[in-house]
Amino acid sequence: MDFFIQLSFLNILLMVFNLFPVPPLDGSRVLDIFLPTRISLYLSQNERAIGIGFMMVIVVLGFMGISFIQWVATPIFSGMLTLLSIPFQLLLGGL
């Protein structure tokens, strides 16, 4: 059971990481829809440099013990566990 809980949390961490609006990640594609053409073109031309800078910031913050990704993923995971536990609580006799 613990293995599957940890695996679920890892998947949510990866989802949150992938949705950051940084050009090599999928979040940038979503952000690109809402940006003006000039800014969107600039981001696409400098995609590699922005991505490398972002990864360096994430690594440095991780070494400093600051985990923004975990800070965002933890409430999502808690909400998911709460929603998944409701049917079992109803089966066992009440909320």
C-alpha atoms as a PDB file:
ATOM      1  CA  MET A   1       0.000   0.000   0.000  1.00  0.00           C
ATOM      2  CA  ASP A   2       2.817   2.403   0.902  1.00  0.00           C
ATOM      3  CA  PHE A   3       4.489   1.712  -2.437  1.00  0.00           C
ATOM      4  CA  PHE A   4       1.376   2.764  -4.358  1.00  0.00           C
ATOM      5  CA  ILE A   5       0.919   5.871  -2.216  1.00  0.00           C
ATOM      6  CA  GLN A   6       4.528   6.929  -2.866  1.00  0.00           C
ATOM      7  CA  LEU A   7       4.131   6.141  -6.574  1.00  0.00           C
ATOM      8  CA  SER A   8       0.975   8.287  -6.717  1.00  0.00           C
ATOM      9  CA  PHE A   9       2.751  11.169  -5.002  1.00  0.00           C
ATOM     10  CA  LEU A  10       5.652  10.876  -7.442  1.00  0.00           C
ATOM     11  CA  ASN A  11       3.217  11.048 -10.362  1.00  0.00           C
ATOM     12  CA  ILE A  12       1.642  14.208  -8.943  1.00  0.00           C
ATOM     13  CA  LEU A  13       5.108  15.744  -8.438  1.00  0.00           C
ATOM     14  CA  LEU A  14       5.920  15.023 -12.084  1.00  0.00           C
ATOM     15  CA  MET A  15       2.585  16.488 -13.189  1.00  0.00           C
ATOM     16  CA  VAL A  16       3.202  19.715 -11.273  1.00  0.00           C
ATOM     17  CA  PHE A  17       6.752  19.942 -12.615  1.00  0.00           C
ATOM     18  CA  ASN A  18       5.588  19.377 -16.189  1.00  0.00           C
ATOM     19  CA  LEU A  19       2.986  22.154 -15.941  1.00  0.00           C
ATOM     20  CA  PHE A  20       5.523  24.892 -15.135  1.00  0.00           C
ATOM     21  CA  PRO A  21       5.326  27.556 -17.854  1.00  0.00           C
ATOM     22  CA  VAL A  22       8.929  27.083 -18.969  1.00  0.00           C
ATOM     23  CA  PRO A  23       9.522  26.459 -22.689  1.00  0.00           C
ATOM     24  CA  PRO A  24      10.678  22.841 -22.766  1.00  0.00           C
ATOM     25  CA  LEU A  25       7.783  21.737 -20.532  1.00  0.00           C
ATOM     26  CA  ASP A  26       4.115  21.342 -21.457  1.00  0.00           C
ATOM     27  CA  GLY A  27       3.020  24.300 -19.324  1.00  0.00           C
ATOM     28  CA  SER A  28       4.732  26.629 -21.774  1.00  0.00           C
ATOM     29  CA  ARG A  29       2.516  25.342 -24.581  1.00  0.00           C
ATOM     30  CA  VAL A  30      -0.548  26.221 -22.530  1.00  0.00           C
ATOM     31  CA  LEU A  31       0.898  29.631 -21.644  1.00  0.00           C
ATOM     32  CA  ASP A  32       1.776  30.213 -25.302  1.00  0.00           C
ATOM     33  CA  ILE A  33      -1.924  30.340 -26.180  1.00  0.00           C
ATOM     34  CA  PHE A  34      -2.490  33.359 -23.940  1.00  0.00           C
ATOM     35  CA  LEU A  35       0.686  35.321 -24.693  1.00  0.00           C
ATOM     36  CA  PRO A  36       1.014  38.027 -27.337  1.00  0.00           C
ATOM     37  CA  THR A  37       2.742  36.904 -30.532  1.00  0.00           C
ATOM     38  CA  ARG A  38       5.897  38.933 -29.887  1.00  0.00           C
ATOM     39  CA  ILE A  39       6.500  37.376 -26.462  1.00  0.00           C
ATOM     40  CA  SER A  40       5.615  33.920 -27.736  1.00  0.00           C
ATOM     41  CA  LEU A  41       8.157  34.269 -30.552  1.00  0.00           C
ATOM     42  CA  TYR A  42      10.843  35.430 -28.090  1.00  0.00           C
ATOM     43  CA  LEU A  43      10.197  32.415 -25.852  1.00  0.00           C
ATOM     44  CA  SER A  44      10.352  29.976 -28.734  1.00  0.00           C
ATOM     45  CA  GLN A  45      13.642  31.473 -29.977  1.00  0.00           C
ATOM     46  CA  ASN A  46      15.228  31.311 -26.501  1.00  0.00           C
ATOM     47  CA  GLU A  47      13.667  28.016 -25.406  1.00  0.00           C
ATOM     48  CA  ARG A  48      16.934  26.231 -24.661  1.00  0.00           C
ATOM     49  CA  ALA A  49      18.495  29.020 -22.562  1.00  0.00           C
ATOM     50  CA  ILE A  50      15.315  29.569 -20.537  1.00  0.00           C
ATOM     51  CA  GLY A  51      14.972  25.826 -19.917  1.00  0.00           C
ATOM     52  CA  ILE A  52      18.566  25.443 -18.744  1.00  0.00           C
ATOM     53  CA  GLY A  53      18.216  28.459 -16.443  1.00  0.00           C
ATOM     54  CA  PHE A  54      14.997  27.081 -14.983  1.00  0.00           C
ATOM     55  CA  MET A  55      16.565  23.683 -14.327  1.00  0.00           C
ATOM     56  CA  MET A  56      19.535  25.335 -12.625  1.00  0.00           C
ATOM     57  CA  VAL A  57      17.189  27.318 -10.358  1.00  0.00           C
ATOM     58  CA  ILE A  58      15.251  24.149  -9.457  1.00  0.00           C
ATOM     59  CA  VAL A  59      18.477  22.285  -8.615  1.00  0.00           C
ATOM     60  CA  VAL A  60      19.878  25.144  -6.495  1.00  0.00           C
ATOM     61  CA  LEU A  61      16.599  25.553  -4.621  1.00  0.00           C
ATOM     62  CA  GLY A  62      16.512  21.798  -4.053  1.00  0.00           C
ATOM     63  CA  PHE A  63      19.985  21.883  -2.508  1.00  0.00           C
ATOM     64  CA  MET A  64      18.844  24.744  -0.280  1.00  0.00           C
ATOM     65  CA  GLY A  65      15.899  22.646   0.908  1.00  0.00           C
ATOM     66  CA  ILE A  66      13.272  24.777  -0.827  1.00  0.00           C
ATOM     67  CA  SER A  67      10.908  22.577  -2.793  1.00  0.00           C
ATOM     68  CA  PHE A  68       8.266  24.627  -4.580  1.00  0.00           C
ATOM     69  CA  ILE A  69       7.111  21.560  -6.486  1.00  0.00           C
ATOM     70  CA  GLN A  70       6.407  19.625  -3.302  1.00  0.00           C
ATOM     71  CA  TRP A  71       4.690  22.678  -1.804  1.00  0.00           C
ATOM     72  CA  VAL A  72       2.234  22.677  -4.730  1.00  0.00           C
ATOM     73  CA  ALA A  73       1.887  18.886  -5.051  1.00  0.00           C
ATOM     74  CA  THR A  74       1.118  18.122  -1.396  1.00  0.00           C
ATOM     75  CA  PRO A  75      -2.360  19.785  -1.303  1.00  0.00           C
ATOM     76  CA  ILE A  76      -3.234  18.151  -4.635  1.00  0.00           C
ATOM     77  CA  PHE A  77      -2.225  14.758  -3.251  1.00  0.00           C
ATOM     78  CA  SER A  78      -4.141  15.312  -0.003  1.00  0.00           C
ATOM     79  CA  GLY A  79      -7.243  16.267  -1.958  1.00  0.00           C
ATOM     80  CA  MET A  80      -6.890  13.202  -4.144  1.00  0.00           C
ATOM     81  CA  LEU A  81      -6.619  10.925  -1.101  1.00  0.00           C
ATOM     82  CA  THR A  82      -9.664  12.576   0.471  1.00  0.00           C
ATOM     83  CA  LEU A  83     -11.743  12.106  -2.684  1.00  0.00           C
ATOM     84  CA  LEU A  84     -10.640   8.498  -3.049  1.00  0.00           C
ATOM     85  CA  SER A  85     -11.471   7.697   0.579  1.00  0.00           C
ATOM     86  CA  ILE A  86     -15.087   8.930   0.407  1.00  0.00           C
ATOM     87  CA  PRO A  87     -16.540   5.757  -1.170  1.00  0.00           C
ATOM     88  CA  PHE A  88     -14.808   3.596   1.445  1.00  0.00           C
ATOM     89  CA  GLN A  89     -16.063   5.765   4.276  1.00  0.00           C
ATOM     90  CA  LEU A  90     -19.600   5.489   2.897  1.00  0.00           C
ATOM     91  CA  LEU A  91     -19.267   1.706   2.754  1.00  0.00           C
ATOM     92  CA  LEU A  92     -18.070   1.568   6.334  1.00  0.00           C
ATOM     93  CA  GLY A  93     -20.954   3.604   7.652  1.00  0.00           C
ATOM     94  CA  GLY A  94     -20.610   7.304   7.485  1.00  0.00           C
ATOM     95  CA  LEU A  95     -18.515  10.337   6.844  1.00  0.00           C
END
